[in-house]
Amino acid sequence: MKARFVEVPEAVQNTLEVAEKCNLEIEFNKPALPTFQPPEHFTREGYLRQLLCEGLQRRYTIRARAEGKAFIVDGIEDPSRLPTLSRNQDAVGAAIQVVPRPLGPRTRRNRENRVSFPTF
């Protein structure tokens, strides 16, 4: 270490002094979460719900309000800002797409009426 800091020999000594002054104890068997106090008239959950409503308005132009554990959507100002999936990415569309395949005996009737669905 001293070889790397030849130009600044006091750096190694200062590093040792700082390390000796540090008193760090880490308890690994319990979570170390910061304590957060929401504003006066909010509970923790209520304040989080309020922030979510504000974020929906800011990002997606969705006017929503939190009532209890539900969100009530009052309106959408610009629907073009809502997230959408392209046709290739639409998993629901792919799941309900009917792929006709004959099942059972190869008769004309079975080929027309019986279909199978793609598996994922």
PDB file of N, CA and C in Angstrom:
ATOM      1  N   MET A   1       0.829  -1.182   0.000  1.00  0.00           N
ATOM      2  CA  MET A   1       0.000   0.000   0.000  1.00  0.00           C
ATOM      3  C   MET A   1       0.876   1.249   0.000  1.00  0.00           C
ATOM      4  N   LYS A   2       1.941   1.214   0.804  1.00  0.00           N
ATOM      5  CA  LYS A   2       2.835   2.373   0.854  1.00  0.00           C
ATOM      6  C   LYS A   2       3.506   2.620  -0.489  1.00  0.00           C
ATOM      7  N   ALA A   3       3.748   1.539  -1.250  1.00  0.00           N
ATOM      8  CA  ALA A   3       4.391   1.688  -2.562  1.00  0.00           C
ATOM      9  C   ALA A   3       3.471   2.415  -3.541  1.00  0.00           C
ATOM     10  N   ARG A   4       2.194   2.242  -3.410  1.00  0.00           N
ATOM     11  CA  ARG A   4       1.251   2.908  -4.320  1.00  0.00           C
ATOM     12  C   ARG A   4       1.111   4.400  -4.014  1.00  0.00           C
ATOM     13  N   PHE A   5       1.308   4.775  -2.774  1.00  0.00           N
ATOM     14  CA  PHE A   5       1.144   6.176  -2.363  1.00  0.00           C
ATOM     15  C   PHE A   5       2.478   6.791  -1.949  1.00  0.00           C
ATOM     16  N   VAL A   6       3.487   6.616  -2.773  1.00  0.00           N
ATOM     17  CA  VAL A   6       4.811   7.167  -2.472  1.00  0.00           C
ATOM     18  C   VAL A   6       4.764   8.688  -2.443  1.00  0.00           C
ATOM     19  N   GLU A   7       3.976   9.286  -3.363  1.00  0.00           N
ATOM     20  CA  GLU A   7       3.888  10.750  -3.420  1.00  0.00           C
ATOM     21  C   GLU A   7       3.196  11.338  -2.201  1.00  0.00           C
ATOM     22  N   VAL A   8       2.309  10.571  -1.576  1.00  0.00           N
ATOM     23  CA  VAL A   8       1.531  11.067  -0.433  1.00  0.00           C
ATOM     24  C   VAL A   8       1.662  10.059   0.706  1.00  0.00           C
ATOM     25  N   PRO A   9       2.758  10.085   1.453  1.00  0.00           N
ATOM     26  CA  PRO A   9       2.956   9.089   2.506  1.00  0.00           C
ATOM     27  C   PRO A   9       1.963   9.211   3.655  1.00  0.00           C
ATOM     28  N   GLU A  10       1.434  10.401   3.889  1.00  0.00           N
ATOM     29  CA  GLU A  10       0.478  10.552   5.004  1.00  0.00           C
ATOM     30  C   GLU A  10      -0.879   9.939   4.686  1.00  0.00           C
ATOM     31  N   ALA A  11      -1.162   9.573   3.430  1.00  0.00           N
ATOM     32  CA  ALA A  11      -2.448   8.975   3.064  1.00  0.00           C
ATOM     33  C   ALA A  11      -2.647   7.638   3.756  1.00  0.00           C
ATOM     34  N   VAL A  12      -1.611   6.831   3.837  1.00  0.00           N
ATOM     35  CA  VAL A  12      -1.715   5.525   4.484  1.00  0.00           C
ATOM     36  C   VAL A  12      -1.978   5.706   5.972  1.00  0.00           C
ATOM     37  N   GLN A  13      -1.272   6.628   6.610  1.00  0.00           N
ATOM     38  CA  GLN A  13      -1.463   6.878   8.044  1.00  0.00           C
ATOM     39  C   GLN A  13      -2.870   7.408   8.315  1.00  0.00           C
ATOM     40  N   ASN A  14      -3.355   8.309   7.461  1.00  0.00           N
ATOM     41  CA  ASN A  14      -4.706   8.849   7.634  1.00  0.00           C
ATOM     42  C   ASN A  14      -5.763   7.760   7.458  1.00  0.00           C
ATOM     43  N   THR A  15      -5.528   6.852   6.526  1.00  0.00           N
ATOM     44  CA  THR A  15      -6.469   5.755   6.317  1.00  0.00           C
ATOM     45  C   THR A  15      -6.547   4.864   7.549  1.00  0.00           C
ATOM     46  N   LEU A  16      -5.430   4.584   8.159  1.00  0.00           N
ATOM     47  CA  LEU A  16      -5.420   3.771   9.380  1.00  0.00           C
ATOM     48  C   LEU A  16      -6.144   4.467  10.521  1.00  0.00           C
ATOM     49  N   GLU A  17      -5.958   5.780  10.649  1.00  0.00           N
ATOM     50  CA  GLU A  17      -6.643   6.529  11.712  1.00  0.00           C
ATOM     51  C   GLU A  17      -8.157   6.500  11.518  1.00  0.00           C
ATOM     52  N   VAL A  18      -8.601   6.665  10.281  1.00  0.00           N
ATOM     53  CA  VAL A  18     -10.046   6.633  10.006  1.00  0.00           C
ATOM     54  C   VAL A  18     -10.607   5.249  10.304  1.00  0.00           C
ATOM     55  N   ALA A  19      -9.899   4.206   9.923  1.00  0.00           N
ATOM     56  CA  ALA A  19     -10.370   2.839  10.167  1.00  0.00           C
ATOM     57  C   ALA A  19     -10.479   2.543  11.649  1.00  0.00           C
ATOM     58  N   GLU A  20      -9.551   3.062  12.452  1.00  0.00           N
ATOM     59  CA  GLU A  20      -9.599   2.835  13.902  1.00  0.00           C
ATOM     60  C   GLU A  20     -10.761   3.583  14.548  1.00  0.00           C
ATOM     61  N   LYS A  21     -11.163   4.715  13.996  1.00  0.00           N
ATOM     62  CA  LYS A  21     -12.259   5.511  14.563  1.00  0.00           C
ATOM     63  C   LYS A  21     -13.637   4.959  14.188  1.00  0.00           C
ATOM     64  N   CYS A  22     -13.707   4.145  13.143  1.00  0.00           N
ATOM     65  CA  CYS A  22     -14.997   3.593  12.712  1.00  0.00           C
ATOM     66  C   CYS A  22     -15.432   2.475  13.647  1.00  0.00           C
ATOM     67  N   ASN A  23     -16.679   2.512  14.032  1.00  0.00           N
ATOM     68  CA  ASN A  23     -17.253   1.461  14.863  1.00  0.00           C
ATOM     69  C   ASN A  23     -18.515   0.969  14.155  1.00  0.00           C
ATOM     70  N   LEU A  24     -18.369  -0.020  13.332  1.00  0.00           N
ATOM     71  CA  LEU A  24     -19.465  -0.509  12.524  1.00  0.00           C
ATOM     72  C   LEU A  24     -19.881  -1.891  13.004  1.00  0.00           C
ATOM     73  N   GLU A  25     -21.168  -2.014  13.326  1.00  0.00           N
ATOM     74  CA  GLU A  25     -21.723  -3.301  13.719  1.00  0.00           C
ATOM     75  C   GLU A  25     -22.908  -3.591  12.812  1.00  0.00           C
ATOM     76  N   ILE A  26     -22.853  -4.731  12.159  1.00  0.00           N
ATOM     77  CA  ILE A  26     -23.928  -5.118  11.249  1.00  0.00           C
ATOM     78  C   ILE A  26     -24.615  -6.351  11.812  1.00  0.00           C
ATOM     79  N   GLU A  27     -25.937  -6.242  11.993  1.00  0.00           N
ATOM     80  CA  GLU A  27     -26.735  -7.378  12.451  1.00  0.00           C
ATOM     81  C   GLU A  27     -27.406  -7.986  11.231  1.00  0.00           C
ATOM     82  N   PHE A  28     -27.035  -9.211  10.903  1.00  0.00           N
ATOM     83  CA  PHE A  28     -27.517  -9.837   9.691  1.00  0.00           C
ATOM     84  C   PHE A  28     -28.848 -10.568   9.863  1.00  0.00           C
ATOM     85  N   ASN A  29     -29.307 -10.794  11.059  1.00  0.00           N
ATOM     86  CA  ASN A  29     -30.520 -11.588  11.254  1.00  0.00           C
ATOM     87  C   ASN A  29     -31.795 -10.749  11.357  1.00  0.00           C
ATOM     88  N   LYS A  30     -31.720  -9.430  11.192  1.00  0.00           N
ATOM     89  CA  LYS A  30     -32.930  -8.623  11.169  1.00  0.00           C
ATOM     90  C   LYS A  30     -32.780  -7.517  10.122  1.00  0.00           C
ATOM     91  N   PRO A  31     -33.902  -7.102   9.528  1.00  0.00           N
ATOM     92  CA  PRO A  31     -33.817  -6.102   8.459  1.00  0.00           C
ATOM     93  C   PRO A  31     -33.378  -4.741   8.990  1.00  0.00           C
ATOM     94  N   ALA A  32     -32.594  -4.063   8.199  1.00  0.00           N
ATOM     95  CA  ALA A  32     -32.116  -2.733   8.573  1.00  0.00           C
ATOM     96  C   ALA A  32     -32.810  -1.705   7.689  1.00  0.00           C
ATOM     97  N   LEU A  33     -34.070  -1.457   7.968  1.00  0.00           N
ATOM     98  CA  LEU A  33     -34.853  -0.513   7.187  1.00  0.00           C
ATOM     99  C   LEU A  33     -34.851   0.851   7.862  1.00  0.00           C
ATOM    100  N   PRO A  34     -34.802   1.907   7.086  1.00  0.00           N
ATOM    101  CA  PRO A  34     -34.849   3.236   7.698  1.00  0.00           C
ATOM    102  C   PRO A  34     -36.245   3.521   8.239  1.00  0.00           C
ATOM    103  N   THR A  35     -36.327   4.310   9.277  1.00  0.00           N
ATOM    104  CA  THR A  35     -37.625   4.709   9.798  1.00  0.00           C
ATOM    105  C   THR A  35     -38.111   5.898   8.986  1.00  0.00           C
ATOM    106  N   PHE A  36     -39.355   5.859   8.596  1.00  0.00           N
ATOM    107  CA  PHE A  36     -39.927   6.917   7.784  1.00  0.00           C
ATOM    108  C   PHE A  36     -41.181   7.425   8.459  1.00  0.00           C
ATOM    109  N   GLN A  37     -41.256   8.708   8.648  1.00  0.00           N
ATOM    110  CA  GLN A  37     -42.440   9.323   9.227  1.00  0.00           C
ATOM    111  C   GLN A  37     -43.159  10.103   8.137  1.00  0.00           C
ATOM    112  N   PRO A  38     -44.374   9.693   7.782  1.00  0.00           N
ATOM    113  CA  PRO A  38     -45.128  10.431   6.758  1.00  0.00           C
ATOM    114  C   PRO A  38     -45.605  11.769   7.320  1.00  0.00           C
ATOM    115  N   PRO A  39     -46.084  12.658   6.465  1.00  0.00           N
ATOM    116  CA  PRO A  39     -46.645  13.926   6.956  1.00  0.00           C
ATOM    117  C   PRO A  39     -47.757  13.682   7.972  1.00  0.00           C
ATOM    118  N   GLU A  40     -48.084  14.701   8.733  1.00  0.00           N
ATOM    119  CA  GLU A  40     -48.983  14.575   9.897  1.00  0.00           C
ATOM    120  C   GLU A  40     -50.306  13.888   9.630  1.00  0.00           C
ATOM    121  N   HIS A  41     -51.022  14.257   8.591  1.00  0.00           N
ATOM    122  CA  HIS A  41     -52.377  13.719   8.401  1.00  0.00           C
ATOM    123  C   HIS A  41     -52.413  12.437   7.571  1.00  0.00           C
ATOM    124  N   PHE A  42     -51.267  11.776   7.362  1.00  0.00           N
ATOM    125  CA  PHE A  42     -51.200  10.537   6.597  1.00  0.00           C
ATOM    126  C   PHE A  42     -50.676   9.390   7.451  1.00  0.00           C
ATOM    127  N   THR A  43     -51.147   8.185   7.106  1.00  0.00           N
ATOM    128  CA  THR A  43     -50.489   6.982   7.605  1.00  0.00           C
ATOM    129  C   THR A  43     -49.412   6.623   6.575  1.00  0.00           C
ATOM    130  N   ARG A  44     -48.592   5.648   6.876  1.00  0.00           N
ATOM    131  CA  ARG A  44     -47.571   5.244   5.895  1.00  0.00           C
ATOM    132  C   ARG A  44     -48.210   4.773   4.595  1.00  0.00           C
ATOM    133  N   GLU A  45     -49.208   3.890   4.715  1.00  0.00           N
ATOM    134  CA  GLU A  45     -49.893   3.377   3.527  1.00  0.00           C
ATOM    135  C   GLU A  45     -50.635   4.476   2.798  1.00  0.00           C
ATOM    136  N   GLY A  46     -51.288   5.345   3.537  1.00  0.00           N
ATOM    137  CA  GLY A  46     -52.036   6.436   2.920  1.00  0.00           C
ATOM    138  C   GLY A  46     -51.133   7.382   2.139  1.00  0.00           C
ATOM    139  N   TYR A  47     -49.964   7.668   2.701  1.00  0.00           N
ATOM    140  CA  TYR A  47     -49.029   8.552   2.009  1.00  0.00           C
ATOM    141  C   TYR A  47     -48.478   7.879   0.756  1.00  0.00           C
ATOM    142  N   LEU A  48     -48.204   6.577   0.834  1.00  0.00           N
ATOM    143  CA  LEU A  48     -47.745   5.846  -0.341  1.00  0.00           C
ATOM    144  C   LEU A  48     -48.807   5.863  -1.429  1.00  0.00           C
ATOM    145  N   ARG A  49     -50.058   5.668  -1.046  1.00  0.00           N
ATOM    146  CA  ARG A  49     -51.153   5.707  -2.017  1.00  0.00           C
ATOM    147  C   ARG A  49     -51.271   7.094  -2.654  1.00  0.00           C
ATOM    148  N   GLN A  50     -51.089   8.135  -1.873  1.00  0.00           N
ATOM    149  CA  GLN A  50     -51.126   9.499  -2.402  1.00  0.00           C
ATOM    150  C   GLN A  50     -49.989   9.711  -3.405  1.00  0.00           C
ATOM    151  N   LEU A  51     -48.799   9.234  -3.089  1.00  0.00           N
ATOM    152  CA  LEU A  51     -47.666   9.358  -4.010  1.00  0.00           C
ATOM    153  C   LEU A  51     -47.907   8.566  -5.295  1.00  0.00           C
ATOM    154  N   LEU A  52     -48.543   7.397  -5.178  1.00  0.00           N
ATOM    155  CA  LEU A  52     -48.866   6.613  -6.369  1.00  0.00           C
ATOM    156  C   LEU A  52     -49.853   7.353  -7.261  1.00  0.00           C
ATOM    157  N   CYS A  53     -50.852   7.975  -6.679  1.00  0.00           N
ATOM    158  CA  CYS A  53     -51.818   8.749  -7.472  1.00  0.00           C
ATOM    159  C   CYS A  53     -51.132   9.904  -8.188  1.00  0.00           C
ATOM    160  N   GLU A  54     -50.243  10.593  -7.499  1.00  0.00           N
ATOM    161  CA  GLU A  54     -49.516  11.695  -8.116  1.00  0.00           C
ATOM    162  C   GLU A  54     -48.620  11.192  -9.247  1.00  0.00           C
ATOM    163  N   GLY A  55     -47.999  10.039  -9.051  1.00  0.00           N
ATOM    164  CA  GLY A  55     -47.153   9.459 -10.088  1.00  0.00           C
ATOM    165  C   GLY A  55     -47.953   9.030 -11.313  1.00  0.00           C
ATOM    166  N   LEU A  56     -49.148   8.467 -11.100  1.00  0.00           N
ATOM    167  CA  LEU A  56     -50.006   8.109 -12.224  1.00  0.00           C
ATOM    168  C   LEU A  56     -50.395   9.342 -13.032  1.00  0.00           C
ATOM    169  N   GLN A  57     -50.671  10.436 -12.345  1.00  0.00           N
ATOM    170  CA  GLN A  57     -51.027  11.682 -13.021  1.00  0.00           C
ATOM    171  C   GLN A  57     -49.839  12.222 -13.811  1.00  0.00           C
ATOM    172  N   ARG A  58     -48.684  12.232 -13.187  1.00  0.00           N
ATOM    173  CA  ARG A  58     -47.499  12.813 -13.815  1.00  0.00           C
ATOM    174  C   ARG A  58     -47.024  11.981 -15.010  1.00  0.00           C
ATOM    175  N   ARG A  59     -47.017  10.659 -14.882  1.00  0.00           N
ATOM    176  CA  ARG A  59     -46.437   9.818 -15.928  1.00  0.00           C
ATOM    177  C   ARG A  59     -47.423   9.416 -17.011  1.00  0.00           C
ATOM    178  N   TYR A  60     -48.650   9.071 -16.614  1.00  0.00           N
ATOM    179  CA  TYR A  60     -49.614   8.537 -17.575  1.00  0.00           C
ATOM    180  C   TYR A  60     -50.844   9.414 -17.768  1.00  0.00           C
ATOM    181  N   THR A  61     -50.914  10.568 -17.144  1.00  0.00           N
ATOM    182  CA  THR A  61     -52.060  11.493 -17.191  1.00  0.00           C
ATOM    183  C   THR A  61     -53.352  10.822 -16.732  1.00  0.00           C
ATOM    184  N   ILE A  62     -53.247   9.938 -15.739  1.00  0.00           N
ATOM    185  CA  ILE A  62     -54.419   9.281 -15.166  1.00  0.00           C
ATOM    186  C   ILE A  62     -54.789  10.023 -13.891  1.00  0.00           C
ATOM    187  N   ARG A  63     -56.021  10.545 -13.871  1.00  0.00           N
ATOM    188  CA  ARG A  63     -56.506  11.197 -12.650  1.00  0.00           C
ATOM    189  C   ARG A  63     -57.142  10.123 -11.772  1.00  0.00           C
ATOM    190  N   ALA A  64     -56.512   9.855 -10.649  1.00  0.00           N
ATOM    191  CA  ALA A  64     -57.004   8.807  -9.753  1.00  0.00           C
ATOM    192  C   ALA A  64     -56.948   9.315  -8.321  1.00  0.00           C
ATOM    193  N   ARG A  65     -57.752   8.689  -7.469  1.00  0.00           N
ATOM    194  CA  ARG A  65     -57.719   9.010  -6.046  1.00  0.00           C
ATOM    195  C   ARG A  65     -57.785   7.698  -5.271  1.00  0.00           C
ATOM    196  N   ALA A  66     -57.184   7.722  -4.110  1.00  0.00           N
ATOM    197  CA  ALA A  66     -57.161   6.533  -3.265  1.00  0.00           C
ATOM    198  C   ALA A  66     -58.300   6.619  -2.269  1.00  0.00           C
ATOM    199  N   GLU A  67     -59.106   5.582  -2.238  1.00  0.00           N
ATOM    200  CA  GLU A  67     -60.189   5.487  -1.256  1.00  0.00           C
ATOM    201  C   GLU A  67     -60.055   4.139  -0.567  1.00  0.00           C
ATOM    202  N   GLY A  68     -59.608   4.165   0.657  1.00  0.00           N
ATOM    203  CA  GLY A  68     -59.367   2.922   1.370  1.00  0.00           C
ATOM    204  C   GLY A  68     -58.234   2.160   0.722  1.00  0.00           C
ATOM    205  N   LYS A  69     -58.499   0.933   0.334  1.00  0.00           N
ATOM    206  CA  LYS A  69     -57.466   0.135  -0.330  1.00  0.00           C
ATOM    207  C   LYS A  69     -57.639   0.110  -1.837  1.00  0.00           C
ATOM    208  N   ALA A  70     -58.567   0.883  -2.371  1.00  0.00           N
ATOM    209  CA  ALA A  70     -58.834   0.893  -3.805  1.00  0.00           C
ATOM    210  C   ALA A  70     -58.405   2.220  -4.422  1.00  0.00           C
ATOM    211  N   PHE A  71     -58.133   2.178  -5.709  1.00  0.00           N
ATOM    212  CA  PHE A  71     -57.858   3.383  -6.476  1.00  0.00           C
ATOM    213  C   PHE A  71     -59.051   3.624  -7.394  1.00  0.00           C
ATOM    214  N   ILE A  72     -59.578   4.831  -7.372  1.00  0.00           N
ATOM    215  CA  ILE A  72     -60.690   5.204  -8.222  1.00  0.00           C
ATOM    216  C   ILE A  72     -60.133   6.064  -9.345  1.00  0.00           C
ATOM    217  N   VAL A  73     -60.305   5.626 -10.589  1.00  0.00           N
ATOM    218  CA  VAL A  73     -59.828   6.393 -11.740  1.00  0.00           C
ATOM    219  C   VAL A  73     -60.935   7.346 -12.157  1.00  0.00           C
ATOM    220  N   ASP A  74     -60.624   8.648 -12.094  1.00  0.00           N
ATOM    221  CA  ASP A  74     -61.594   9.671 -12.475  1.00  0.00           C
ATOM    222  C   ASP A  74     -61.529   9.994 -13.961  1.00  0.00           C
ATOM    223  N   GLY A  75     -60.398   9.774 -14.588  1.00  0.00           N
ATOM    224  CA  GLY A  75     -60.294  10.054 -16.014  1.00  0.00           C
ATOM    225  C   GLY A  75     -58.866   9.898 -16.501  1.00  0.00           C
ATOM    226  N   ILE A  76     -58.746   9.857 -17.818  1.00  0.00           N
ATOM    227  CA  ILE A  76     -57.446   9.774 -18.473  1.00  0.00           C
ATOM    228  C   ILE A  76     -57.378  10.924 -19.455  1.00  0.00           C
ATOM    229  N   GLU A  77     -56.411  11.816 -19.268  1.00  0.00           N
ATOM    230  CA  GLU A  77     -56.315  12.992 -20.118  1.00  0.00           C
ATOM    231  C   GLU A  77     -55.748  12.673 -21.494  1.00  0.00           C
ATOM    232  N   ASP A  78     -54.722  11.824 -21.562  1.00  0.00           N
ATOM    233  CA  ASP A  78     -54.074  11.518 -22.836  1.00  0.00           C
ATOM    234  C   ASP A  78     -53.869  10.008 -22.940  1.00  0.00           C
ATOM    235  N   PRO A  79     -54.808   9.285 -23.543  1.00  0.00           N
ATOM    236  CA  PRO A  79     -54.681   7.820 -23.621  1.00  0.00           C
ATOM    237  C   PRO A  79     -53.453   7.356 -24.394  1.00  0.00           C
ATOM    238  N   SER A  80     -52.902   8.196 -25.246  1.00  0.00           N
ATOM    239  CA  SER A  80     -51.728   7.773 -26.014  1.00  0.00           C
ATOM    240  C   SER A  80     -50.497   7.597 -25.129  1.00  0.00           C
ATOM    241  N   ARG A  81     -50.522   8.115 -23.899  1.00  0.00           N
ATOM    242  CA  ARG A  81     -49.382   7.961 -22.992  1.00  0.00           C
ATOM    243  C   ARG A  81     -49.445   6.684 -22.169  1.00  0.00           C
ATOM    244  N   LEU A  82     -50.526   5.922 -22.309  1.00  0.00           N
ATOM    245  CA  LEU A  82     -50.647   4.669 -21.568  1.00  0.00           C
ATOM    246  C   LEU A  82     -49.714   3.629 -22.169  1.00  0.00           C
ATOM    247  N   PRO A  83     -49.139   2.759 -21.338  1.00  0.00           N
ATOM    248  CA  PRO A  83     -48.261   1.717 -21.882  1.00  0.00           C
ATOM    249  C   PRO A  83     -49.072   0.698 -22.676  1.00  0.00           C
ATOM    250  N   THR A  84     -48.549   0.328 -23.826  1.00  0.00           N
ATOM    251  CA  THR A  84     -49.212  -0.667 -24.662  1.00  0.00           C
ATOM    252  C   THR A  84     -48.184  -1.690 -25.110  1.00  0.00           C
ATOM    253  N   LEU A  85     -48.668  -2.831 -25.512  1.00  0.00           N
ATOM    254  CA  LEU A  85     -47.814  -3.878 -26.052  1.00  0.00           C
ATOM    255  C   LEU A  85     -48.053  -3.967 -27.548  1.00  0.00           C
ATOM    256  N   SER A  86     -46.996  -4.182 -28.289  1.00  0.00           N
ATOM    257  CA  SER A  86     -47.175  -4.394 -29.719  1.00  0.00           C
ATOM    258  C   SER A  86     -47.804  -5.767 -29.939  1.00  0.00           C
ATOM    259  N   ARG A  87     -48.273  -6.011 -31.126  1.00  0.00           N
ATOM    260  CA  ARG A  87     -48.951  -7.272 -31.405  1.00  0.00           C
ATOM    261  C   ARG A  87     -48.026  -8.461 -31.174  1.00  0.00           C
ATOM    262  N   ASN A  88     -46.755  -8.322 -31.440  1.00  0.00           N
ATOM    263  CA  ASN A  88     -45.825  -9.429 -31.241  1.00  0.00           C
ATOM    264  C   ASN A  88     -45.567  -9.699 -29.767  1.00  0.00           C
ATOM    265  N   GLN A  89     -45.702  -8.683 -28.912  1.00  0.00           N
ATOM    266  CA  GLN A  89     -45.427  -8.850 -27.495  1.00  0.00           C
ATOM    267  C   GLN A  89     -46.678  -9.180 -26.685  1.00  0.00           C
ATOM    268  N   ASP A  90     -47.816  -9.143 -27.304  1.00  0.00           N
ATOM    269  CA  ASP A  90     -49.065  -9.311 -26.583  1.00  0.00           C
ATOM    270  C   ASP A  90     -49.275 -10.782 -26.223  1.00  0.00           C
ATOM    271  N   ALA A  91     -48.921 -11.134 -24.996  1.00  0.00           N
ATOM    272  CA  ALA A  91     -49.016 -12.522 -24.552  1.00  0.00           C
ATOM    273  C   ALA A  91     -50.466 -12.979 -24.467  1.00  0.00           C
ATOM    274  N   VAL A  92     -51.361 -12.085 -24.069  1.00  0.00           N
ATOM    275  CA  VAL A  92     -52.771 -12.464 -23.962  1.00  0.00           C
ATOM    276  C   VAL A  92     -53.326 -12.755 -25.342  1.00  0.00           C
ATOM    277  N   GLY A  93     -52.986 -11.904 -26.313  1.00  0.00           N
ATOM    278  CA  GLY A  93     -53.447 -12.131 -27.678  1.00  0.00           C
ATOM    279  C   GLY A  93     -52.927 -13.445 -28.229  1.00  0.00           C
ATOM    280  N   ALA A  94     -51.677 -13.762 -27.929  1.00  0.00           N
ATOM    281  CA  ALA A  94     -51.106 -15.022 -28.402  1.00  0.00           C
ATOM    282  C   ALA A  94     -51.759 -16.205 -27.709  1.00  0.00           C
ATOM    283  N   ALA A  95     -52.132 -16.031 -26.460  1.00  0.00           N
ATOM    284  CA  ALA A  95     -52.728 -17.138 -25.710  1.00  0.00           C
ATOM    285  C   ALA A  95     -54.117 -17.479 -26.224  1.00  0.00           C
ATOM    286  N   ILE A  96     -54.861 -16.487 -26.701  1.00  0.00           N
ATOM    287  CA  ILE A  96     -56.219 -16.777 -27.159  1.00  0.00           C
ATOM    288  C   ILE A  96     -56.296 -16.979 -28.666  1.00  0.00           C
ATOM    289  N   GLN A  97     -55.162 -16.820 -29.345  1.00  0.00           N
ATOM    290  CA  GLN A  97     -55.148 -17.064 -30.784  1.00  0.00           C
ATOM    291  C   GLN A  97     -55.426 -18.540 -31.038  1.00  0.00           C
ATOM    292  N   VAL A  98     -56.410 -18.802 -31.856  1.00  0.00           N
ATOM    293  CA  VAL A  98     -56.802 -20.180 -32.135  1.00  0.00           C
ATOM    294  C   VAL A  98     -55.983 -20.689 -33.312  1.00  0.00           C
ATOM    295  N   VAL A  99     -55.305 -21.785 -33.093  1.00  0.00           N
ATOM    296  CA  VAL A  99     -54.527 -22.421 -34.145  1.00  0.00           C
ATOM    297  C   VAL A  99     -55.247 -23.707 -34.523  1.00  0.00           C
ATOM    298  N   PRO A 100     -55.894 -23.736 -35.680  1.00  0.00           N
ATOM    299  CA  PRO A 100     -56.640 -24.952 -36.031  1.00  0.00           C
ATOM    300  C   PRO A 100     -55.695 -26.104 -36.326  1.00  0.00           C
ATOM    301  N   ARG A 101     -55.895 -27.192 -35.644  1.00  0.00           N
ATOM    302  CA  ARG A 101     -55.149 -28.423 -35.864  1.00  0.00           C
ATOM    303  C   ARG A 101     -56.119 -29.581 -35.757  1.00  0.00           C
ATOM    304  N   PRO A 102     -56.031 -30.512 -36.639  1.00  0.00           N
ATOM    305  CA  PRO A 102     -56.939 -31.656 -36.530  1.00  0.00           C
ATOM    306  C   PRO A 102     -56.591 -32.519 -35.323  1.00  0.00           C
ATOM    307  N   LEU A 103     -57.605 -32.905 -34.598  1.00  0.00           N
ATOM    308  CA  LEU A 103     -57.421 -33.785 -33.448  1.00  0.00           C
ATOM    309  C   LEU A 103     -58.306 -35.007 -33.638  1.00  0.00           C
ATOM    310  N   GLY A 104     -57.804 -36.130 -33.286  1.00  0.00           N
ATOM    311  CA  GLY A 104     -58.600 -37.340 -33.402  1.00  0.00           C
ATOM    312  C   GLY A 104     -58.603 -37.862 -34.827  1.00  0.00           C
ATOM    313  N   PRO A 105     -59.630 -38.625 -35.182  1.00  0.00           N
ATOM    314  CA  PRO A 105     -59.698 -39.198 -36.532  1.00  0.00           C
ATOM    315  C   PRO A 105     -59.702 -38.100 -37.587  1.00  0.00           C
ATOM    316  N   ARG A 106     -59.064 -38.365 -38.704  1.00  0.00           N
ATOM    317  CA  ARG A 106     -58.937 -37.352 -39.750  1.00  0.00           C
ATOM    318  C   ARG A 106     -60.189 -37.314 -40.623  1.00  0.00           C
ATOM    319  N   THR A 107     -61.203 -36.710 -40.081  1.00  0.00           N
ATOM    320  CA  THR A 107     -62.404 -36.506 -40.879  1.00  0.00           C
ATOM    321  C   THR A 107     -62.583 -35.009 -41.073  1.00  0.00           C
ATOM    322  N   ARG A 108     -63.310 -34.652 -42.096  1.00  0.00           N
ATOM    323  CA  ARG A 108     -63.532 -33.240 -42.381  1.00  0.00           C
ATOM    324  C   ARG A 108     -64.214 -32.548 -41.206  1.00  0.00           C
ATOM    325  N   ARG A 109     -65.157 -33.192 -40.598  1.00  0.00           N
ATOM    326  CA  ARG A 109     -65.902 -32.598 -39.482  1.00  0.00           C
ATOM    327  C   ARG A 109     -64.974 -32.302 -38.302  1.00  0.00           C
ATOM    328  N   ASN A 110     -64.096 -33.229 -37.912  1.00  0.00           N
ATOM    329  CA  ASN A 110     -63.190 -33.009 -36.791  1.00  0.00           C
ATOM    330  C   ASN A 110     -62.199 -31.894 -37.075  1.00  0.00           C
ATOM    331  N   ARG A 111     -61.739 -31.765 -38.304  1.00  0.00           N
ATOM    332  CA  ARG A 111     -60.784 -30.718 -38.625  1.00  0.00           C
ATOM    333  C   ARG A 111     -61.422 -29.339 -38.516  1.00  0.00           C
ATOM    334  N   GLU A 112     -62.685 -29.224 -38.791  1.00  0.00           N
ATOM    335  CA  GLU A 112     -63.338 -27.918 -38.756  1.00  0.00           C
ATOM    336  C   GLU A 112     -63.751 -27.516 -37.347  1.00  0.00           C
ATOM    337  N   ASN A 113     -64.156 -28.448 -36.531  1.00  0.00           N
ATOM    338  CA  ASN A 113     -64.742 -28.099 -35.228  1.00  0.00           C
ATOM    339  C   ASN A 113     -63.786 -28.185 -34.053  1.00  0.00           C
ATOM    340  N   ARG A 114     -62.720 -28.919 -34.189  1.00  0.00           N
ATOM    341  CA  ARG A 114     -61.834 -29.104 -33.050  1.00  0.00           C
ATOM    342  C   ARG A 114     -60.568 -28.297 -33.259  1.00  0.00           C
ATOM    343  N   VAL A 115     -60.208 -27.528 -32.269  1.00  0.00           N
ATOM    344  CA  VAL A 115     -59.002 -26.712 -32.356  1.00  0.00           C
ATOM    345  C   VAL A 115     -58.184 -26.940 -31.106  1.00  0.00           C
ATOM    346  N   SER A 116     -56.894 -26.618 -31.197  1.00  0.00           N
ATOM    347  CA  SER A 116     -56.039 -26.665 -30.020  1.00  0.00           C
ATOM    348  C   SER A 116     -55.428 -25.292 -29.825  1.00  0.00           C
ATOM    349  N   PHE A 117     -55.021 -25.019 -28.626  1.00  0.00           N
ATOM    350  CA  PHE A 117     -54.456 -23.728 -28.292  1.00  0.00           C
ATOM    351  C   PHE A 117     -52.955 -23.846 -28.102  1.00  0.00           C
ATOM    352  N   PRO A 118     -52.212 -22.798 -28.443  1.00  0.00           N
ATOM    353  CA  PRO A 118     -50.754 -22.866 -28.252  1.00  0.00           C
ATOM    354  C   PRO A 118     -50.420 -22.939 -26.771  1.00  0.00           C
ATOM    355  N   THR A 119     -49.348 -23.622 -26.461  1.00  0.00           N
ATOM    356  CA  THR A 119     -48.877 -23.691 -25.089  1.00  0.00           C
ATOM    357  C   THR A 119     -47.616 -22.852 -24.949  1.00  0.00           C
ATOM    358  N   PHE A 120     -47.426 -22.311 -23.790  1.00  0.00           N
ATOM    359  CA  PHE A 120     -46.252 -21.434 -23.525  1.00  0.00           C
ATOM    360  C   PHE A 120     -45.362 -22.047 -22.507  1.00  0.00           C
TER     361      PHE A 120
END
